[in-house]
N, C-alpha and C. Protein backbone atom coordinates (compact mmCIF):
# COMPACT_ATOMS: atom_id res chain seq x y z
N MET A 1 19.63 6.97 -24.90
CA MET A 1 18.69 7.00 -25.68
C MET A 1 18.04 5.70 -26.33
N SER A 2 16.81 5.50 -26.08
CA SER A 2 16.46 4.40 -26.87
C SER A 2 16.35 4.65 -28.29
N ALA A 3 15.79 3.31 -29.14
CA ALA A 3 15.88 3.58 -30.47
C ALA A 3 14.67 4.21 -31.29
N ILE A 4 15.31 4.71 -32.38
CA ILE A 4 13.73 5.62 -33.02
C ILE A 4 13.42 4.57 -34.31
N GLN A 5 11.82 4.33 -34.10
CA GLN A 5 11.37 3.57 -34.99
C GLN A 5 10.03 4.14 -35.52
N GLU A 6 10.18 4.27 -36.86
CA GLU A 6 9.34 5.09 -37.91
C GLU A 6 8.79 4.06 -39.13
N THR A 7 7.68 4.46 -39.77
CA THR A 7 7.23 3.69 -40.53
C THR A 7 6.36 4.89 -41.53
N PHE A 8 6.43 4.27 -42.74
CA PHE A 8 6.03 5.20 -43.67
C PHE A 8 5.09 4.49 -44.62
N LEU A 9 4.00 4.50 -44.47
CA LEU A 9 3.20 3.51 -45.52
C LEU A 9 3.06 4.24 -46.77
N GLU A 10 3.08 3.37 -47.76
CA GLU A 10 2.57 3.71 -48.97
C GLU A 10 1.49 4.22 -49.36
N ILE A 11 0.26 3.94 -48.98
CA ILE A 11 -0.93 4.61 -48.92
C ILE A 11 -1.40 6.02 -48.56
N GLU A 12 -0.59 5.83 -47.03
CA GLU A 12 -0.73 7.17 -46.42
C GLU A 12 0.33 8.47 -47.00
N TRP A 13 1.32 8.00 -47.97
CA TRP A 13 1.71 8.94 -48.51
C TRP A 13 1.57 9.34 -49.82
N GLY A 14 0.57 8.65 -50.36
CA GLY A 14 0.12 9.04 -51.82
C GLY A 14 0.98 8.05 -52.94
N GLY A 15 1.40 7.21 -52.51
CA GLY A 15 2.54 6.65 -53.53
C GLY A 15 3.62 5.76 -52.96
N GLU A 16 4.55 5.13 -53.94
CA GLU A 16 5.46 4.17 -53.19
C GLU A 16 6.71 5.16 -53.32
N GLU A 17 6.88 6.05 -54.22
CA GLU A 17 7.91 7.27 -54.51
C GLU A 17 8.18 8.35 -53.33
N GLU A 18 6.73 8.56 -53.01
CA GLU A 18 6.57 9.64 -51.87
C GLU A 18 7.17 8.97 -50.54
N ALA A 19 6.58 7.92 -49.99
CA ALA A 19 6.73 7.15 -49.13
C ALA A 19 8.30 6.94 -48.78
N ARG A 20 9.05 6.64 -49.73
CA ARG A 20 10.53 6.08 -50.08
C ARG A 20 11.21 7.22 -49.47
N GLN A 21 11.01 8.72 -50.14
CA GLN A 21 11.53 9.57 -50.32
C GLN A 21 11.40 10.43 -48.84
N ALA A 22 10.27 10.24 -48.03
CA ALA A 22 10.42 10.78 -46.88
C ALA A 22 10.99 10.35 -45.85
N ARG A 23 10.96 8.65 -46.12
CA ARG A 23 11.95 7.82 -45.06
C ARG A 23 13.16 7.88 -45.22
N ASP A 24 13.52 8.31 -46.69
CA ASP A 24 15.27 8.57 -46.71
C ASP A 24 15.53 9.89 -46.18
N GLN A 25 14.56 10.81 -46.72
CA GLN A 25 14.78 12.22 -46.06
C GLN A 25 15.08 12.32 -44.47
N ARG A 26 14.09 11.63 -43.61
CA ARG A 26 14.04 11.37 -42.38
C ARG A 26 15.67 10.73 -42.02
N ALA A 27 16.03 9.89 -42.30
CA ALA A 27 17.21 8.80 -42.37
C ALA A 27 18.28 10.13 -42.59
N ALA A 28 18.51 10.88 -43.41
CA ALA A 28 19.32 11.64 -43.90
C ALA A 28 19.46 12.79 -42.42
N GLN A 29 17.98 13.13 -41.69
CA GLN A 29 18.25 14.00 -40.61
C GLN A 29 18.92 13.42 -39.55
N LEU A 30 18.30 12.13 -39.21
CA LEU A 30 19.14 11.44 -38.23
C LEU A 30 20.42 11.21 -38.52
N GLN A 31 21.00 11.00 -39.44
CA GLN A 31 22.12 10.53 -39.32
C GLN A 31 23.20 12.04 -39.26
N GLU A 32 22.66 12.89 -39.71
CA GLU A 32 23.29 14.22 -39.24
C GLU A 32 23.26 14.85 -37.91
N GLN A 33 22.68 13.85 -37.23
CA GLN A 33 22.50 14.34 -35.67
C GLN A 33 23.65 13.27 -35.01
N GLY A 34 24.22 12.19 -36.06
CA GLY A 34 25.17 11.54 -35.43
C GLY A 34 24.33 9.96 -35.00
N LEU A 35 23.26 9.73 -35.42
CA LEU A 35 22.21 8.39 -35.26
C LEU A 35 22.74 7.13 -36.29
N VAL A 36 22.77 6.12 -35.90
CA VAL A 36 22.62 5.11 -37.15
C VAL A 36 21.65 4.70 -37.75
N CYS A 37 21.34 4.51 -38.87
CA CYS A 37 19.74 4.42 -39.28
C CYS A 37 19.97 2.75 -40.02
N THR A 38 19.19 1.92 -40.15
CA THR A 38 18.69 1.06 -40.83
C THR A 38 17.61 1.09 -41.59
N CYS A 39 17.35 0.97 -42.59
CA CYS A 39 16.25 1.19 -43.36
C CYS A 39 15.91 -0.18 -43.92
N GLU A 40 14.27 -0.56 -43.90
CA GLU A 40 14.25 -1.81 -44.86
C GLU A 40 12.68 -1.21 -45.22
N ASN A 41 12.35 -2.05 -46.80
CA ASN A 41 11.65 -2.08 -47.71
C ASN A 41 10.71 -3.44 -47.35
N LEU A 42 9.39 -3.08 -46.94
CA LEU A 42 8.38 -4.28 -46.56
C LEU A 42 6.93 -4.25 -46.93
N TYR A 43 6.50 -5.07 -47.17
CA TYR A 43 4.97 -5.33 -47.79
C TYR A 43 4.06 -5.73 -46.74
N ASN A 44 2.95 -4.82 -46.34
CA ASN A 44 2.07 -5.23 -45.56
C ASN A 44 1.13 -6.46 -45.74
N VAL A 45 0.17 -6.96 -45.03
CA VAL A 45 -0.55 -8.18 -45.89
C VAL A 45 -1.56 -8.11 -47.02
N TYR A 46 -1.74 -6.64 -47.50
CA TYR A 46 -2.66 -5.96 -48.44
C TYR A 46 -1.59 -5.83 -49.70
N GLY A 47 -0.58 -5.97 -49.64
CA GLY A 47 0.50 -6.27 -50.44
C GLY A 47 1.12 -4.44 -50.79
N TYR A 48 0.70 -3.61 -49.69
CA TYR A 48 1.26 -2.17 -50.02
C TYR A 48 2.65 -2.37 -49.73
N ARG A 49 3.45 -1.49 -49.78
CA ARG A 49 4.87 -1.12 -49.31
C ARG A 49 4.64 -0.31 -47.92
N VAL A 50 5.82 -0.81 -47.36
CA VAL A 50 6.11 -0.15 -46.27
C VAL A 50 7.36 -0.15 -46.07
N PHE A 51 7.63 1.47 -45.67
CA PHE A 51 9.40 1.68 -45.53
C PHE A 51 9.59 1.73 -44.09
N THR A 52 10.36 1.43 -43.50
CA THR A 52 10.75 1.27 -42.00
C THR A 52 12.21 2.10 -41.69
N LEU A 53 12.29 2.44 -40.84
CA LEU A 53 13.78 3.17 -40.31
C LEU A 53 13.59 3.29 -38.93
N GLU A 54 14.89 2.57 -38.46
CA GLU A 54 15.36 2.39 -37.06
C GLU A 54 16.53 3.15 -37.10
N ALA A 55 16.49 3.93 -35.67
CA ALA A 55 17.86 4.89 -35.85
C ALA A 55 18.27 4.98 -34.27
N THR A 56 19.52 4.49 -34.00
CA THR A 56 20.09 4.27 -32.66
C THR A 56 21.27 4.82 -32.70
N GLU A 57 21.53 5.33 -31.40
CA GLU A 57 23.24 5.78 -31.16
C GLU A 57 24.14 4.84 -31.28
N ALA A 58 25.29 5.39 -32.09
CA ALA A 58 26.37 4.85 -32.58
C ALA A 58 27.10 4.47 -31.35
N THR A 59 27.51 2.63 -30.92
CA THR A 59 28.18 2.57 -29.65
C THR A 59 29.47 2.70 -30.18
N PRO A 60 30.41 3.32 -29.18
CA PRO A 60 32.10 3.28 -29.44
C PRO A 60 32.42 1.90 -29.50
N ILE A 61 33.61 2.17 -30.17
CA ILE A 61 34.28 0.65 -30.03
C ILE A 61 35.59 0.77 -29.20
N GLU A 62 35.99 0.39 -28.32
CA GLU A 62 37.27 0.08 -27.42
C GLU A 62 38.20 -0.38 -27.77
N MET A 63 39.27 0.25 -28.42
CA MET A 63 40.35 -0.21 -28.79
C MET A 63 40.95 -1.08 -27.53
N SER A 64 41.59 -2.12 -27.44
CA SER A 64 42.51 -2.33 -26.19
C SER A 64 43.27 -3.55 -26.81
N SER A 65 44.57 -4.17 -26.27
CA SER A 65 45.37 -5.12 -26.87
C SER A 65 45.29 -6.28 -25.85
N ALA A 66 45.39 -7.37 -26.14
CA ALA A 66 45.26 -8.32 -25.37
C ALA A 66 46.62 -8.44 -24.52
N PRO A 67 46.66 -8.71 -23.21
CA PRO A 67 47.69 -8.73 -22.18
C PRO A 67 48.99 -9.63 -22.97
N GLY A 68 50.25 -9.04 -22.60
CA GLY A 68 50.96 -9.99 -23.47
C GLY A 68 51.18 -9.69 -24.85
N ARG A 69 50.60 -9.44 -25.48
CA ARG A 69 50.43 -9.24 -27.05
C ARG A 69 51.14 -7.81 -27.61
N ASP A 70 51.79 -7.76 -28.63
CA ASP A 70 52.24 -6.51 -29.08
C ASP A 70 50.48 -6.15 -29.92
N ALA A 71 50.36 -5.13 -30.46
CA ALA A 71 49.30 -4.77 -31.22
C ALA A 71 49.42 -5.37 -32.51
N LYS A 72 50.79 -5.48 -33.24
CA LYS A 72 50.87 -6.21 -34.44
C LYS A 72 50.66 -7.73 -34.47
N GLN A 73 50.69 -8.26 -33.35
CA GLN A 73 50.75 -9.63 -33.30
C GLN A 73 49.46 -10.18 -33.22
N ILE A 74 48.40 -9.36 -33.13
CA ILE A 74 47.18 -9.73 -32.89
C ILE A 74 46.50 -10.04 -34.16
N SER A 75 46.16 -11.32 -34.06
CA SER A 75 45.19 -11.63 -35.32
C SER A 75 43.82 -11.12 -35.86
N LEU A 76 44.02 -11.11 -36.96
CA LEU A 76 42.37 -10.56 -37.52
C LEU A 76 41.45 -11.90 -37.18
N ARG A 77 41.88 -12.99 -37.12
CA ARG A 77 40.71 -13.99 -37.21
C ARG A 77 40.38 -14.27 -35.58
N GLY A 78 41.01 -13.49 -34.82
CA GLY A 78 40.86 -13.71 -33.42
C GLY A 78 41.01 -15.05 -33.03
N ASP A 79 40.95 -15.64 -31.96
CA ASP A 79 41.39 -16.83 -31.29
C ASP A 79 40.59 -18.14 -31.18
N ARG A 80 40.14 -18.52 -32.73
CA ARG A 80 39.19 -19.48 -32.95
C ARG A 80 40.05 -20.89 -32.86
N PRO A 81 39.10 -21.72 -32.30
CA PRO A 81 39.92 -23.03 -32.25
C PRO A 81 40.59 -23.55 -33.43
N PRO A 82 41.16 -24.53 -33.96
CA PRO A 82 41.43 -24.93 -35.35
C PRO A 82 40.15 -25.93 -35.62
N SER A 83 40.01 -25.78 -37.09
CA SER A 83 38.49 -26.22 -37.89
C SER A 83 39.12 -27.78 -37.52
N ARG A 84 38.00 -28.61 -37.44
CA ARG A 84 38.30 -30.04 -37.44
C ARG A 84 38.11 -30.24 -39.09
N ALA A 85 38.77 -31.55 -39.88
CA ALA A 85 38.25 -31.59 -41.14
C ALA A 85 38.83 -33.22 -41.27
N ASN A 86 38.05 -33.48 -42.41
CA ASN A 86 38.18 -35.14 -42.70
C ASN A 86 39.68 -34.99 -43.60
N ARG A 87 39.83 -36.32 -43.57
CA ARG A 87 41.14 -36.58 -44.38
C ARG A 87 41.40 -35.89 -45.50
N ASP A 88 40.55 -35.65 -46.39
CA ASP A 88 40.91 -34.95 -47.57
C ASP A 88 40.45 -33.43 -47.36
N GLY A 89 40.28 -33.06 -46.26
CA GLY A 89 40.41 -31.33 -45.98
C GLY A 89 39.23 -30.73 -45.79
N ARG A 90 38.02 -31.74 -46.29
CA ARG A 90 36.59 -31.09 -45.77
C ARG A 90 36.17 -31.15 -44.36
N PRO A 91 35.57 -30.11 -43.79
CA PRO A 91 35.06 -29.65 -42.52
C PRO A 91 34.14 -30.86 -42.27
N VAL A 92 34.33 -31.50 -41.11
CA VAL A 92 33.67 -32.31 -40.41
C VAL A 92 32.34 -31.71 -39.77
N ARG A 93 31.01 -32.30 -40.81
CA ARG A 93 29.40 -31.99 -40.26
C ARG A 93 29.01 -32.76 -39.05
N LYS A 94 28.44 -32.01 -38.23
CA LYS A 94 27.67 -32.48 -37.56
C LYS A 94 26.31 -32.71 -37.61
N PHE A 95 25.63 -34.39 -37.33
CA PHE A 95 24.29 -34.34 -37.99
C PHE A 95 23.64 -34.86 -36.67
N ASP A 96 22.60 -34.81 -36.49
CA ASP A 96 21.40 -35.01 -35.28
C ASP A 96 21.12 -36.52 -35.85
N ARG A 97 21.05 -37.50 -34.87
CA ARG A 97 20.52 -38.75 -34.81
C ARG A 97 18.69 -38.70 -34.73
N ARG A 98 18.02 -39.64 -35.60
CA ARG A 98 16.71 -39.33 -35.29
C ARG A 98 16.31 -41.00 -35.36
């Protein structure tokens, strides 16, 4: 299933509160169906509020352990390379030359 995208314009719903309430009610309906909803409060070029809703299916998270490691040994930080630091412990910053 693809994403559901809906907009609720302040001027079409008779006011800011009505549009926001309609968007929130629709989000609640979609969440009851098991969808994950993202809501945003935006403005159009005329200064009116636009309340948006995007609903997508939840993606299942597959739990698997790394080969050769016990589940208790897996670090929450992941396998990140060690950070580079200056002599005083501050991280080295990369700059582009112009």
